[in-house]
Amino acid sequence: GYALIQDIQVEIGGTEVDQLYPEWLFFWEEMTQRPGARLGEQIGKFSYSADVEEDMIEFASKSRSLYVPL
């Protein structure tokens, strides 16, 4: 899910106060996620087996909705 984002610009009153990148969102999620919160399912994170290419093909073949918290 985070790979869909190029960057996020946070504006208040027309003035940019922050800019976030997907790498930062991923890092923040990894550092602050509570065990069992299931955010990984929402953003499309999944575990790889020994055959990563086959896993990615299977993952991409299924329709799904992703929710990327900002």
PDB file of N, CA and C in Angstrom:
ATOM      1  N   GLY A   1       0.789  -1.194   0.000  1.00  0.00           N
ATOM      2  CA  GLY A   1       0.000   0.000   0.000  1.00  0.00           C
ATOM      3  C   GLY A   1       0.835   1.264   0.000  1.00  0.00           C
ATOM      4  N   TYR A   2       1.899   1.296   0.809  1.00  0.00           N
ATOM      5  CA  TYR A   2       2.729   2.500   0.867  1.00  0.00           C
ATOM      6  C   TYR A   2       3.423   2.768  -0.465  1.00  0.00           C
ATOM      7  N   ALA A   3       3.661   1.728  -1.261  1.00  0.00           N
ATOM      8  CA  ALA A   3       4.331   1.901  -2.550  1.00  0.00           C
ATOM      9  C   ALA A   3       3.476   2.709  -3.527  1.00  0.00           C
ATOM     10  N   LEU A   4       2.187   2.834  -3.262  1.00  0.00           N
ATOM     11  CA  LEU A   4       1.305   3.625  -4.122  1.00  0.00           C
ATOM     12  C   LEU A   4       1.490   5.124  -3.921  1.00  0.00           C
ATOM     13  N   ILE A   5       2.152   5.509  -2.847  1.00  0.00           N
ATOM     14  CA  ILE A   5       2.302   6.921  -2.491  1.00  0.00           C
ATOM     15  C   ILE A   5       3.675   7.423  -2.917  1.00  0.00           C
ATOM     16  N   GLN A   6       3.696   8.557  -3.614  1.00  0.00           N
ATOM     17  CA  GLN A   6       4.975   9.185  -3.957  1.00  0.00           C
ATOM     18  C   GLN A   6       5.439  10.064  -2.800  1.00  0.00           C
ATOM     19  N   ASP A   7       4.558  10.926  -2.337  1.00  0.00           N
ATOM     20  CA  ASP A   7       4.810  11.720  -1.141  1.00  0.00           C
ATOM     21  C   ASP A   7       3.493  12.310  -0.656  1.00  0.00           C
ATOM     22  N   ILE A   8       3.504  12.779   0.583  1.00  0.00           N
ATOM     23  CA  ILE A   8       2.325  13.396   1.189  1.00  0.00           C
ATOM     24  C   ILE A   8       2.745  14.759   1.701  1.00  0.00           C
ATOM     25  N   GLN A   9       1.999  15.767   1.316  1.00  0.00           N
ATOM     26  CA  GLN A   9       2.282  17.117   1.796  1.00  0.00           C
ATOM     27  C   GLN A   9       1.154  17.532   2.728  1.00  0.00           C
ATOM     28  N   VAL A  10       1.522  17.894   3.942  1.00  0.00           N
ATOM     29  CA  VAL A  10       0.555  18.317   4.946  1.00  0.00           C
ATOM     30  C   VAL A  10       0.546  19.842   4.957  1.00  0.00           C
ATOM     31  N   GLU A  11      -0.635  20.417   4.703  1.00  0.00           N
ATOM     32  CA  GLU A  11      -0.766  21.874   4.673  1.00  0.00           C
ATOM     33  C   GLU A  11      -1.758  22.334   5.730  1.00  0.00           C
ATOM     34  N   ILE A  12      -1.453  23.450   6.340  1.00  0.00           N
ATOM     35  CA  ILE A  12      -2.366  24.116   7.267  1.00  0.00           C
ATOM     36  C   ILE A  12      -2.488  25.555   6.799  1.00  0.00           C
ATOM     37  N   GLY A  13      -3.713  25.947   6.466  1.00  0.00           N
ATOM     38  CA  GLY A  13      -3.940  27.310   5.996  1.00  0.00           C
ATOM     39  C   GLY A  13      -3.169  27.635   4.726  1.00  0.00           C
ATOM     40  N   GLY A  14      -2.957  26.636   3.863  1.00  0.00           N
ATOM     41  CA  GLY A  14      -2.248  26.855   2.615  1.00  0.00           C
ATOM     42  C   GLY A  14      -0.734  26.835   2.737  1.00  0.00           C
ATOM     43  N   THR A  15      -0.214  26.661   3.947  1.00  0.00           N
ATOM     44  CA  THR A  15       1.231  26.604   4.164  1.00  0.00           C
ATOM     45  C   THR A  15       1.643  25.160   4.427  1.00  0.00           C
ATOM     46  N   GLU A  16       2.612  24.672   3.653  1.00  0.00           N
ATOM     47  CA  GLU A  16       3.098  23.311   3.857  1.00  0.00           C
ATOM     48  C   GLU A  16       3.875  23.245   5.160  1.00  0.00           C
ATOM     49  N   VAL A  17       3.444  22.350   6.054  1.00  0.00           N
ATOM     50  CA  VAL A  17       4.098  22.224   7.357  1.00  0.00           C
ATOM     51  C   VAL A  17       4.880  20.922   7.489  1.00  0.00           C
ATOM     52  N   ASP A  18       4.633  19.978   6.582  1.00  0.00           N
ATOM     53  CA  ASP A  18       5.360  18.714   6.647  1.00  0.00           C
ATOM     54  C   ASP A  18       5.239  18.005   5.310  1.00  0.00           C
ATOM     55  N   GLN A  19       6.189  17.126   5.040  1.00  0.00           N
ATOM     56  CA  GLN A  19       6.152  16.289   3.851  1.00  0.00           C
ATOM     57  C   GLN A  19       6.606  14.893   4.269  1.00  0.00           C
ATOM     58  N   LEU A  20       5.805  13.896   3.926  1.00  0.00           N
ATOM     59  CA  LEU A  20       6.083  12.517   4.318  1.00  0.00           C
ATOM     60  C   LEU A  20       6.297  11.661   3.078  1.00  0.00           C
ATOM     61  N   TYR A  21       7.127  10.641   3.214  1.00  0.00           N
ATOM     62  CA  TYR A  21       7.440   9.735   2.117  1.00  0.00           C
ATOM     63  C   TYR A  21       7.073   8.313   2.525  1.00  0.00           C
ATOM     64  N   PRO A  22       6.823   7.417   1.560  1.00  0.00           N
ATOM     65  CA  PRO A  22       6.394   6.063   1.909  1.00  0.00           C
ATOM     66  C   PRO A  22       7.395   5.315   2.781  1.00  0.00           C
ATOM     67  N   GLU A  23       8.680   5.573   2.601  1.00  0.00           N
ATOM     68  CA  GLU A  23       9.685   4.911   3.430  1.00  0.00           C
ATOM     69  C   GLU A  23       9.497   5.277   4.901  1.00  0.00           C
ATOM     70  N   TRP A  24       9.175   6.549   5.147  1.00  0.00           N
ATOM     71  CA  TRP A  24       8.959   6.992   6.523  1.00  0.00           C
ATOM     72  C   TRP A  24       7.698   6.358   7.098  1.00  0.00           C
ATOM     73  N   LEU A  25       6.626   6.278   6.290  1.00  0.00           N
ATOM     74  CA  LEU A  25       5.386   5.659   6.754  1.00  0.00           C
ATOM     75  C   LEU A  25       5.624   4.194   7.114  1.00  0.00           C
ATOM     76  N   PHE A  26       6.398   3.492   6.277  1.00  0.00           N
ATOM     77  CA  PHE A  26       6.725   2.094   6.558  1.00  0.00           C
ATOM     78  C   PHE A  26       7.518   1.983   7.858  1.00  0.00           C
ATOM     79  N   PHE A  27       8.536   2.820   8.010  1.00  0.00           N
ATOM     80  CA  PHE A  27       9.365   2.809   9.212  1.00  0.00           C
ATOM     81  C   PHE A  27       8.512   3.069  10.454  1.00  0.00           C
ATOM     82  N   TRP A  28       7.652   4.081  10.394  1.00  0.00           N
ATOM     83  CA  TRP A  28       6.804   4.434  11.536  1.00  0.00           C
ATOM     84  C   TRP A  28       5.878   3.276  11.905  1.00  0.00           C
ATOM     85  N   GLU A  29       5.298   2.641  10.894  1.00  0.00           N
ATOM     86  CA  GLU A  29       4.410   1.509  11.146  1.00  0.00           C
ATOM     87  C   GLU A  29       5.177   0.360  11.805  1.00  0.00           C
ATOM     88  N   GLU A  30       6.379   0.076  11.332  1.00  0.00           N
ATOM     89  CA  GLU A  30       7.185  -1.003  11.908  1.00  0.00           C
ATOM     90  C   GLU A  30       7.559  -0.713  13.364  1.00  0.00           C
ATOM     91  N   MET A  31       7.837   0.536  13.681  1.00  0.00           N
ATOM     92  CA  MET A  31       8.297   0.895  15.024  1.00  0.00           C
ATOM     93  C   MET A  31       7.160   1.043  16.038  1.00  0.00           C
ATOM     94  N   THR A  32       5.957   1.389  15.581  1.00  0.00           N
ATOM     95  CA  THR A  32       4.881   1.705  16.516  1.00  0.00           C
ATOM     96  C   THR A  32       3.723   0.711  16.500  1.00  0.00           C
ATOM     97  N   GLN A  33       3.713  -0.232  15.573  1.00  0.00           N
ATOM     98  CA  GLN A  33       2.592  -1.159  15.434  1.00  0.00           C
ATOM     99  C   GLN A  33       2.457  -2.059  16.654  1.00  0.00           C
ATOM    100  N   ARG A  34       1.261  -2.140  17.199  1.00  0.00           N
ATOM    101  CA  ARG A  34       0.981  -3.065  18.298  1.00  0.00           C
ATOM    102  C   ARG A  34       0.832  -4.475  17.725  1.00  0.00           C
ATOM    103  N   PRO A  35       1.341  -5.475  18.402  1.00  0.00           N
ATOM    104  CA  PRO A  35       1.153  -6.854  17.943  1.00  0.00           C
ATOM    105  C   PRO A  35      -0.334  -7.184  17.830  1.00  0.00           C
ATOM    106  N   GLY A  36      -0.720  -7.823  16.743  1.00  0.00           N
ATOM    107  CA  GLY A  36      -2.102  -8.235  16.553  1.00  0.00           C
ATOM    108  C   GLY A  36      -3.009  -7.164  15.982  1.00  0.00           C
ATOM    109  N   ALA A  37      -2.494  -6.000  15.622  1.00  0.00           N
ATOM    110  CA  ALA A  37      -3.347  -4.916  15.130  1.00  0.00           C
ATOM    111  C   ALA A  37      -3.766  -5.113  13.675  1.00  0.00           C
ATOM    112  N   ARG A  38      -3.135  -6.025  12.954  1.00  0.00           N
ATOM    113  CA  ARG A  38      -3.509  -6.406  11.594  1.00  0.00           C
ATOM    114  C   ARG A  38      -3.366  -5.289  10.574  1.00  0.00           C
ATOM    115  N   LEU A  39      -2.532  -4.307  10.817  1.00  0.00           N
ATOM    116  CA  LEU A  39      -2.325  -3.248   9.835  1.00  0.00           C
ATOM    117  C   LEU A  39      -1.717  -3.816   8.560  1.00  0.00           C
ATOM    118  N   GLY A  40      -0.885  -4.828   8.687  1.00  0.00           N
ATOM    119  CA  GLY A  40      -0.260  -5.440   7.515  1.00  0.00           C
ATOM    120  C   GLY A  40      -1.273  -5.879   6.478  1.00  0.00           C
ATOM    121  N   GLU A  41      -2.395  -6.419   6.916  1.00  0.00           N
ATOM    122  CA  GLU A  41      -3.452  -6.828   5.989  1.00  0.00           C
ATOM    123  C   GLU A  41      -4.044  -5.619   5.270  1.00  0.00           C
ATOM    124  N   GLN A  42      -4.176  -4.509   5.963  1.00  0.00           N
ATOM    125  CA  GLN A  42      -4.773  -3.316   5.368  1.00  0.00           C
ATOM    126  C   GLN A  42      -3.880  -2.702   4.298  1.00  0.00           C
ATOM    127  N   ILE A  43      -2.567  -2.731   4.508  1.00  0.00           N
ATOM    128  CA  ILE A  43      -1.663  -2.063   3.572  1.00  0.00           C
ATOM    129  C   ILE A  43      -1.074  -3.012   2.536  1.00  0.00           C
ATOM    130  N   GLY A  44      -1.434  -4.294   2.591  1.00  0.00           N
ATOM    131  CA  GLY A  44      -0.993  -5.238   1.579  1.00  0.00           C
ATOM    132  C   GLY A  44       0.325  -5.917   1.877  1.00  0.00           C
ATOM    133  N   LYS A  45       0.763  -5.889   3.110  1.00  0.00           N
ATOM    134  CA  LYS A  45       2.012  -6.566   3.476  1.00  0.00           C
ATOM    135  C   LYS A  45       1.737  -8.061   3.610  1.00  0.00           C
ATOM    136  N   PHE A  46       2.647  -8.872   3.108  1.00  0.00           N
ATOM    137  CA  PHE A  46       2.492 -10.309   3.259  1.00  0.00           C
ATOM    138  C   PHE A  46       3.856 -10.955   3.407  1.00  0.00           C
ATOM    139  N   SER A  47       3.867 -12.176   3.901  1.00  0.00           N
ATOM    140  CA  SER A  47       5.117 -12.913   4.108  1.00  0.00           C
ATOM    141  C   SER A  47       5.498 -13.637   2.826  1.00  0.00           C
ATOM    142  N   TYR A  48       6.778 -13.703   2.580  1.00  0.00           N
ATOM    143  CA  TYR A  48       7.291 -14.400   1.407  1.00  0.00           C
ATOM    144  C   TYR A  48       7.744 -15.801   1.790  1.00  0.00           C
ATOM    145  N   SER A  49       7.562 -16.739   0.865  1.00  0.00           N
ATOM    146  CA  SER A  49       8.121 -18.077   1.051  1.00  0.00           C
ATOM    147  C   SER A  49       9.448 -18.125   0.288  1.00  0.00           C
ATOM    148  N   ALA A  50       9.962 -19.306   0.063  1.00  0.00           N
ATOM    149  CA  ALA A  50      11.225 -19.446  -0.670  1.00  0.00           C
ATOM    150  C   ALA A  50      11.066 -19.004  -2.121  1.00  0.00           C
ATOM    151  N   ASP A  51       9.856 -19.120  -2.683  1.00  0.00           N
ATOM    152  CA  ASP A  51       9.616 -18.732  -4.075  1.00  0.00           C
ATOM    153  C   ASP A  51       8.926 -17.365  -4.105  1.00  0.00           C
ATOM    154  N   VAL A  52       9.715 -16.317  -3.952  1.00  0.00           N
ATOM    155  CA  VAL A  52       9.183 -14.954  -3.859  1.00  0.00           C
ATOM    156  C   VAL A  52       8.408 -14.573  -5.109  1.00  0.00           C
ATOM    157  N   GLU A  53       8.922 -14.916  -6.281  1.00  0.00           N
ATOM    158  CA  GLU A  53       8.250 -14.546  -7.529  1.00  0.00           C
ATOM    159  C   GLU A  53       6.856 -15.165  -7.602  1.00  0.00           C
ATOM    160  N   GLU A  54       6.731 -16.428  -7.254  1.00  0.00           N
ATOM    161  CA  GLU A  54       5.426 -17.097  -7.254  1.00  0.00           C
ATOM    162  C   GLU A  54       4.480 -16.447  -6.239  1.00  0.00           C
ATOM    163  N   ASP A  55       4.996 -16.085  -5.080  1.00  0.00           N
ATOM    164  CA  ASP A  55       4.181 -15.410  -4.063  1.00  0.00           C
ATOM    165  C   ASP A  55       3.633 -14.090  -4.587  1.00  0.00           C
ATOM    166  N   MET A  56       4.478 -13.320  -5.253  1.00  0.00           N
ATOM    167  CA  MET A  56       4.049 -12.016  -5.768  1.00  0.00           C
ATOM    168  C   MET A  56       3.008 -12.168  -6.868  1.00  0.00           C
ATOM    169  N   ILE A  57       3.168 -13.172  -7.727  1.00  0.00           N
ATOM    170  CA  ILE A  57       2.178 -13.420  -8.783  1.00  0.00           C
ATOM    171  C   ILE A  57       0.836 -13.782  -8.159  1.00  0.00           C
ATOM    172  N   GLU A  58       0.844 -14.665  -7.173  1.00  0.00           N
ATOM    173  CA  GLU A  58      -0.400 -15.052  -6.505  1.00  0.00           C
ATOM    174  C   GLU A  58      -1.041 -13.854  -5.805  1.00  0.00           C
ATOM    175  N   PHE A  59      -0.235 -13.050  -5.105  1.00  0.00           N
ATOM    176  CA  PHE A  59      -0.753 -11.875  -4.401  1.00  0.00           C
ATOM    177  C   PHE A  59      -1.382 -10.888  -5.382  1.00  0.00           C
ATOM    178  N   ALA A  60      -0.727 -10.657  -6.521  1.00  0.00           N
ATOM    179  CA  ALA A  60      -1.204  -9.684  -7.501  1.00  0.00           C
ATOM    180  C   ALA A  60      -2.437 -10.172  -8.252  1.00  0.00           C
ATOM    181  N   SER A  61      -2.686 -11.479  -8.277  1.00  0.00           N
ATOM    182  CA  SER A  61      -3.803 -12.017  -9.048  1.00  0.00           C
ATOM    183  C   SER A  61      -5.147 -11.872  -8.330  1.00  0.00           C
ATOM    184  N   LYS A  62      -5.122 -11.506  -7.065  1.00  0.00           N
ATOM    185  CA  LYS A  62      -6.359 -11.387  -6.290  1.00  0.00           C
ATOM    186  C   LYS A  62      -6.774  -9.924  -6.165  1.00  0.00           C
ATOM    187  N   SER A  63      -8.071  -9.684  -6.315  1.00  0.00           N
ATOM    188  CA  SER A  63      -8.604  -8.337  -6.138  1.00  0.00           C
ATOM    189  C   SER A  63      -8.676  -8.023  -4.649  1.00  0.00           C
ATOM    190  N   ARG A  64      -8.313  -6.799  -4.280  1.00  0.00           N
ATOM    191  CA  ARG A  64      -8.361  -6.424  -2.863  1.00  0.00           C
ATOM    192  C   ARG A  64      -8.426  -4.902  -2.740  1.00  0.00           C
ATOM    193  N   SER A  65      -8.873  -4.451  -1.608  1.00  0.00           N
ATOM    194  CA  SER A  65      -8.841  -3.023  -1.268  1.00  0.00           C
ATOM    195  C   SER A  65      -7.737  -2.815  -0.252  1.00  0.00           C
ATOM    196  N   LEU A  66      -6.967  -1.754  -0.437  1.00  0.00           N
ATOM    197  CA  LEU A  66      -5.907  -1.418   0.506  1.00  0.00           C
ATOM    198  C   LEU A  66      -6.279  -0.132   1.220  1.00  0.00           C
ATOM    199  N   TYR A  67      -5.974  -0.054   2.497  1.00  0.00           N
ATOM    200  CA  TYR A  67      -6.233   1.129   3.307  1.00  0.00           C
ATOM    201  C   TYR A  67      -4.902   1.602   3.867  1.00  0.00           C
ATOM    202  N   VAL A  68      -4.475   2.768   3.445  1.00  0.00           N
ATOM    203  CA  VAL A  68      -3.180   3.292   3.867  1.00  0.00           C
ATOM    204  C   VAL A  68      -3.420   4.418   4.864  1.00  0.00           C
ATOM    205  N   PRO A  69      -3.165   4.181   6.155  1.00  0.00           N
ATOM    206  CA  PRO A  69      -3.375   5.229   7.158  1.00  0.00           C
ATOM    207  C   PRO A  69      -2.353   6.341   7.008  1.00  0.00           C
ATOM    208  N   LEU A  70      -2.805   7.564   7.142  1.00  0.00           N
ATOM    209  CA  LEU A  70      -1.897   8.715   7.027  1.00  0.00           C
ATOM    210  C   LEU A  70      -1.735   9.378   8.368  1.00  0.00           C
TER     211      LEU A  70
END
